[in-house]
Amino acid sequence: MSCRLAIFDFDGTLADSFPFFVSVFNQIADQHGFRRIAAGEAQGLRHHDMRAIMRHVGMPAWKLPLASSSFIGLMRENAARIPLFDGIEEVLQGLDRAGVRLAIVSSNSEQNVRLILGPELGGLFAHVECGMSVFGKAARLRKVLRQAAVAPGHALYVGDQALDAEAARKAGVGFGAVSWGYAPIEALRRAGLDREFGAPGELLHILRS
């Protein structure tokens, strides 16, 4: 089936925010009372899903919204430090010109998403669903499908974490995994994927599905 609706995660998929996340992780850990990570530890944690990382640093589930809010606030203050991945701008413009509808489902805030995208690119997205828990994306995916009046079989959720794959399955949409985000592609293959993108420019292959 052709892809009529491309839904994107934001952090690690469109925006190169992992270096910033690592740079502020210990600040947030101190603020909310969970374990710091050592300088060389971050890369290894990328092979684990969010639940495993939370266990590793001793973060109970009730602290996740607080820690996420702190990260979102720091990101808002430092939005100028967080670029889009090279080639993302051209990809989004190309998909839009080809008639693919664009949407974002992200646990980050809409304010941060729009600050980093800028008004021109931000204007390409017909639907922006932000601010939910990282475990609550499936409901937002279903909401976007309803709003867009697109059947799940004509949509693809593009993300960079195992939780994105899980949300796509729950919502009944295909999952496209990117190799340049927070989780390594090997972990995303284990999580289950329908499409694999090795570089941002390959996202234009969505047009061929």
Protein backbone atom coordinates (compact mmCIF):
# COMPACT_ATOMS: atom_id res chain seq x y z
CA MET A 1 0.00 0.00 0.00
CA SER A 2 1.16 3.55 -0.66
CA CYS A 3 2.14 5.75 2.27
CA ARG A 4 -0.24 8.70 2.51
CA LEU A 5 0.78 9.79 6.01
CA ALA A 6 4.34 9.87 7.41
CA ILE A 7 4.39 10.35 11.18
CA PHE A 8 7.73 11.23 12.73
CA ASP A 9 9.17 10.99 16.18
CA PHE A 10 11.27 14.09 16.89
CA ASP A 11 14.30 13.56 19.15
CA GLY A 12 16.82 11.29 17.49
CA THR A 13 14.74 11.08 14.32
CA LEU A 14 14.50 14.65 13.04
CA ALA A 15 16.55 16.49 15.70
CA ASP A 16 20.07 15.53 16.74
CA SER A 17 19.41 15.95 20.45
CA PHE A 18 21.28 12.93 21.89
CA PRO A 19 24.52 14.88 22.59
CA PHE A 20 22.50 17.49 24.46
CA PHE A 21 20.62 14.78 26.38
CA VAL A 22 23.91 13.25 27.52
CA SER A 23 25.30 16.65 28.48
CA VAL A 24 22.42 17.39 30.87
CA PHE A 25 21.63 13.87 32.11
CA ASN A 26 23.66 14.09 35.32
CA GLN A 27 22.24 17.52 36.11
CA ILE A 28 18.74 16.05 35.89
CA ALA A 29 19.83 12.96 37.86
CA ASP A 30 21.08 15.15 40.72
CA GLN A 31 17.90 17.22 40.64
CA HIS A 32 15.57 14.20 40.85
CA GLY A 33 17.64 11.79 42.90
CA PHE A 34 18.61 8.95 40.59
CA ARG A 35 22.02 7.62 39.64
CA ARG A 36 24.44 9.56 37.47
CA ILE A 37 26.04 7.91 34.45
CA ALA A 38 29.79 7.86 33.82
CA ALA A 39 31.30 9.59 30.81
CA GLY A 40 31.70 6.40 28.78
CA GLU A 41 28.45 4.79 29.86
CA ALA A 42 25.97 6.61 27.62
CA GLN A 43 26.83 4.77 24.41
CA GLY A 44 26.31 1.38 26.08
CA LEU A 45 22.90 2.40 27.41
CA ARG A 46 21.72 3.07 23.87
CA HIS A 47 21.41 -0.71 23.45
CA HIS A 48 18.72 -0.86 26.17
CA ASP A 49 15.12 0.29 26.06
CA MET A 50 13.71 3.01 28.31
CA ARG A 51 12.45 0.62 30.97
CA ALA A 52 15.89 -1.02 31.27
CA ILE A 53 17.63 2.37 31.47
CA MET A 54 15.26 3.49 34.21
CA ARG A 55 16.07 0.35 36.20
CA HIS A 56 19.79 0.87 35.63
CA VAL A 57 19.81 4.40 37.05
CA GLY A 58 17.28 3.64 39.79
CA MET A 59 14.53 5.90 38.47
CA PRO A 60 11.04 4.86 39.61
CA ALA A 61 8.25 5.32 37.07
CA TRP A 62 6.68 8.17 39.03
CA LYS A 63 9.84 10.28 38.54
CA LEU A 64 9.86 9.97 34.75
CA PRO A 65 7.39 12.84 34.12
CA LEU A 66 9.41 15.08 36.44
CA ALA A 67 12.71 14.22 34.79
CA SER A 68 11.17 14.62 31.33
CA SER A 69 9.83 18.04 32.26
CA SER A 70 13.30 19.12 33.40
CA PHE A 71 14.85 17.92 30.15
CA ILE A 72 12.19 19.69 28.08
CA GLY A 73 12.79 22.92 30.00
CA LEU A 74 16.56 22.75 29.51
CA MET A 75 16.04 21.99 25.83
CA ARG A 76 13.80 25.01 25.45
CA GLU A 77 16.52 27.23 26.94
CA ASN A 78 19.12 25.72 24.62
CA ALA A 79 17.14 25.16 21.43
CA ALA A 80 19.77 26.95 19.35
CA ARG A 81 22.28 24.20 20.30
CA ILE A 82 20.15 21.41 18.81
CA PRO A 83 20.28 21.00 15.03
CA LEU A 84 18.22 18.91 12.70
CA PHE A 85 20.10 16.01 11.16
CA ASP A 86 21.76 16.84 7.85
CA GLY A 87 19.33 16.27 5.01
CA ILE A 88 16.14 16.32 7.08
CA GLU A 89 15.00 19.69 5.73
CA GLU A 90 15.26 18.50 2.13
CA VAL A 91 13.50 15.22 2.95
CA LEU A 92 10.53 16.92 4.59
CA GLN A 93 10.19 19.36 1.71
CA GLY A 94 10.42 16.51 -0.80
CA LEU A 95 7.76 14.41 0.92
CA ASP A 96 5.47 17.43 1.17
CA ARG A 97 5.90 18.25 -2.53
CA ALA A 98 5.06 14.64 -3.39
CA GLY A 99 1.76 14.90 -1.52
CA VAL A 100 2.62 12.83 1.55
CA ARG A 101 0.95 14.30 4.63
CA LEU A 102 3.33 14.89 7.53
CA ALA A 103 2.77 14.59 11.27
CA ILE A 104 4.81 14.48 14.47
CA VAL A 105 4.16 12.38 17.58
CA SER A 106 6.73 13.17 20.27
CA SER A 107 7.09 13.16 24.03
CA ASN A 108 8.89 16.49 23.72
CA SER A 109 6.91 19.73 23.91
CA GLU A 110 5.31 21.33 20.88
CA GLN A 111 7.12 24.55 21.74
CA ASN A 112 10.52 22.83 21.51
CA VAL A 113 9.58 21.02 18.32
CA ARG A 114 8.52 24.25 16.63
CA LEU A 115 11.52 26.21 17.94
CA ILE A 116 13.94 23.70 16.44
CA LEU A 117 12.05 23.12 13.19
CA GLY A 118 11.47 26.81 12.59
CA PRO A 119 8.29 28.28 11.08
CA GLU A 120 8.87 27.14 7.50
CA LEU A 121 9.46 23.48 8.23
CA GLY A 122 7.00 23.46 11.10
CA GLY A 123 4.32 24.63 8.70
CA LEU A 124 4.66 21.44 6.67
CA PHE A 125 3.16 19.33 9.46
CA ALA A 126 -0.61 18.95 9.39
CA HIS A 127 -0.69 17.29 12.83
CA VAL A 128 1.64 17.77 15.82
CA GLU A 129 0.94 15.68 18.92
CA CYS A 130 3.41 16.38 21.70
CA GLY A 131 3.88 16.26 25.45
CA MET A 132 2.72 12.72 26.20
CA SER A 133 4.62 10.12 28.19
CA VAL A 134 7.11 8.07 26.20
CA PHE A 135 4.77 5.16 27.00
CA GLY A 136 1.70 6.97 25.66
CA LYS A 137 2.51 7.38 21.98
CA ALA A 138 0.14 4.70 20.69
CA ALA A 139 -2.94 6.70 21.72
CA ARG A 140 -1.56 9.80 20.00
CA LEU A 141 -0.80 7.84 16.84
CA ARG A 142 -4.40 6.65 16.74
CA LYS A 143 -5.55 10.25 17.28
CA VAL A 144 -3.48 11.47 14.33
CA LEU A 145 -4.90 8.70 12.13
CA ARG A 146 -8.43 9.77 13.05
CA GLN A 147 -7.69 13.44 12.45
CA ALA A 148 -6.05 12.73 9.11
CA ALA A 149 -8.76 10.23 8.12
CA VAL A 150 -6.03 7.85 6.97
CA ALA A 151 -6.24 4.07 7.42
CA PRO A 152 -3.40 2.54 9.47
CA GLY A 153 -2.21 0.59 6.45
CA HIS A 154 -1.48 3.84 4.60
CA ALA A 155 0.61 5.34 7.44
CA LEU A 156 4.17 4.86 8.69
CA TYR A 157 5.60 5.91 12.06
CA VAL A 158 9.30 6.75 11.78
CA GLY A 159 11.32 6.62 14.99
CA ASP A 160 14.55 5.69 16.69
CA GLN A 161 13.62 3.75 19.83
CA ALA A 162 12.10 0.39 20.71
CA LEU A 163 9.18 2.19 22.36
CA ASP A 164 8.40 3.76 18.99
CA ALA A 165 8.17 0.29 17.45
CA GLU A 166 5.92 -0.81 20.30
CA ALA A 167 3.63 2.20 19.88
CA ALA A 168 3.37 1.63 16.13
CA ARG A 169 2.34 -2.01 16.66
CA LYS A 170 -0.33 -1.00 19.17
CA ALA A 171 -1.70 1.60 16.77
CA GLY A 172 -1.62 -0.81 13.84
CA VAL A 173 0.75 1.26 11.71
CA GLY A 174 4.04 0.26 10.14
CA PHE A 175 7.29 1.19 11.86
CA GLY A 176 10.22 2.71 10.02
CA ALA A 177 13.46 2.64 12.02
CA VAL A 178 16.26 5.17 11.55
CA SER A 179 19.87 4.19 12.14
CA TRP A 180 21.11 7.61 13.30
CA GLY A 181 19.05 8.10 16.49
CA TYR A 182 19.23 7.23 20.17
CA ALA A 183 19.05 3.43 19.77
CA PRO A 184 21.38 1.47 17.47
CA ILE A 185 19.73 -0.16 14.50
CA GLU A 186 20.47 -3.64 15.89
CA ALA A 187 18.25 -2.93 18.88
CA LEU A 188 15.48 -1.67 16.60
CA ARG A 189 15.69 -4.79 14.46
CA ARG A 190 15.16 -6.87 17.59
CA ALA A 191 12.17 -4.68 18.48
CA GLY A 192 10.63 -5.32 15.07
CA LEU A 193 10.55 -2.99 12.10
CA ASP A 194 8.89 -2.77 8.71
CA ARG A 195 11.26 -0.32 7.04
CA GLU A 196 14.88 0.61 7.74
CA PHE A 197 16.53 3.90 6.85
CA GLY A 198 20.33 4.14 6.89
CA ALA A 199 20.63 7.87 6.22
CA PRO A 200 18.18 10.80 6.29
CA GLY A 201 18.04 10.99 2.50
CA GLU A 202 16.67 7.44 2.41
CA LEU A 203 13.45 8.68 4.02
CA LEU A 204 12.43 9.72 0.51
CA HIS A 205 12.08 5.97 -0.15
CA ILE A 206 8.76 6.32 1.71
CA LEU A 207 7.46 7.52 -1.65
CA ARG A 208 8.13 4.09 -3.15
CA SER A 209 6.15 2.08 -0.61
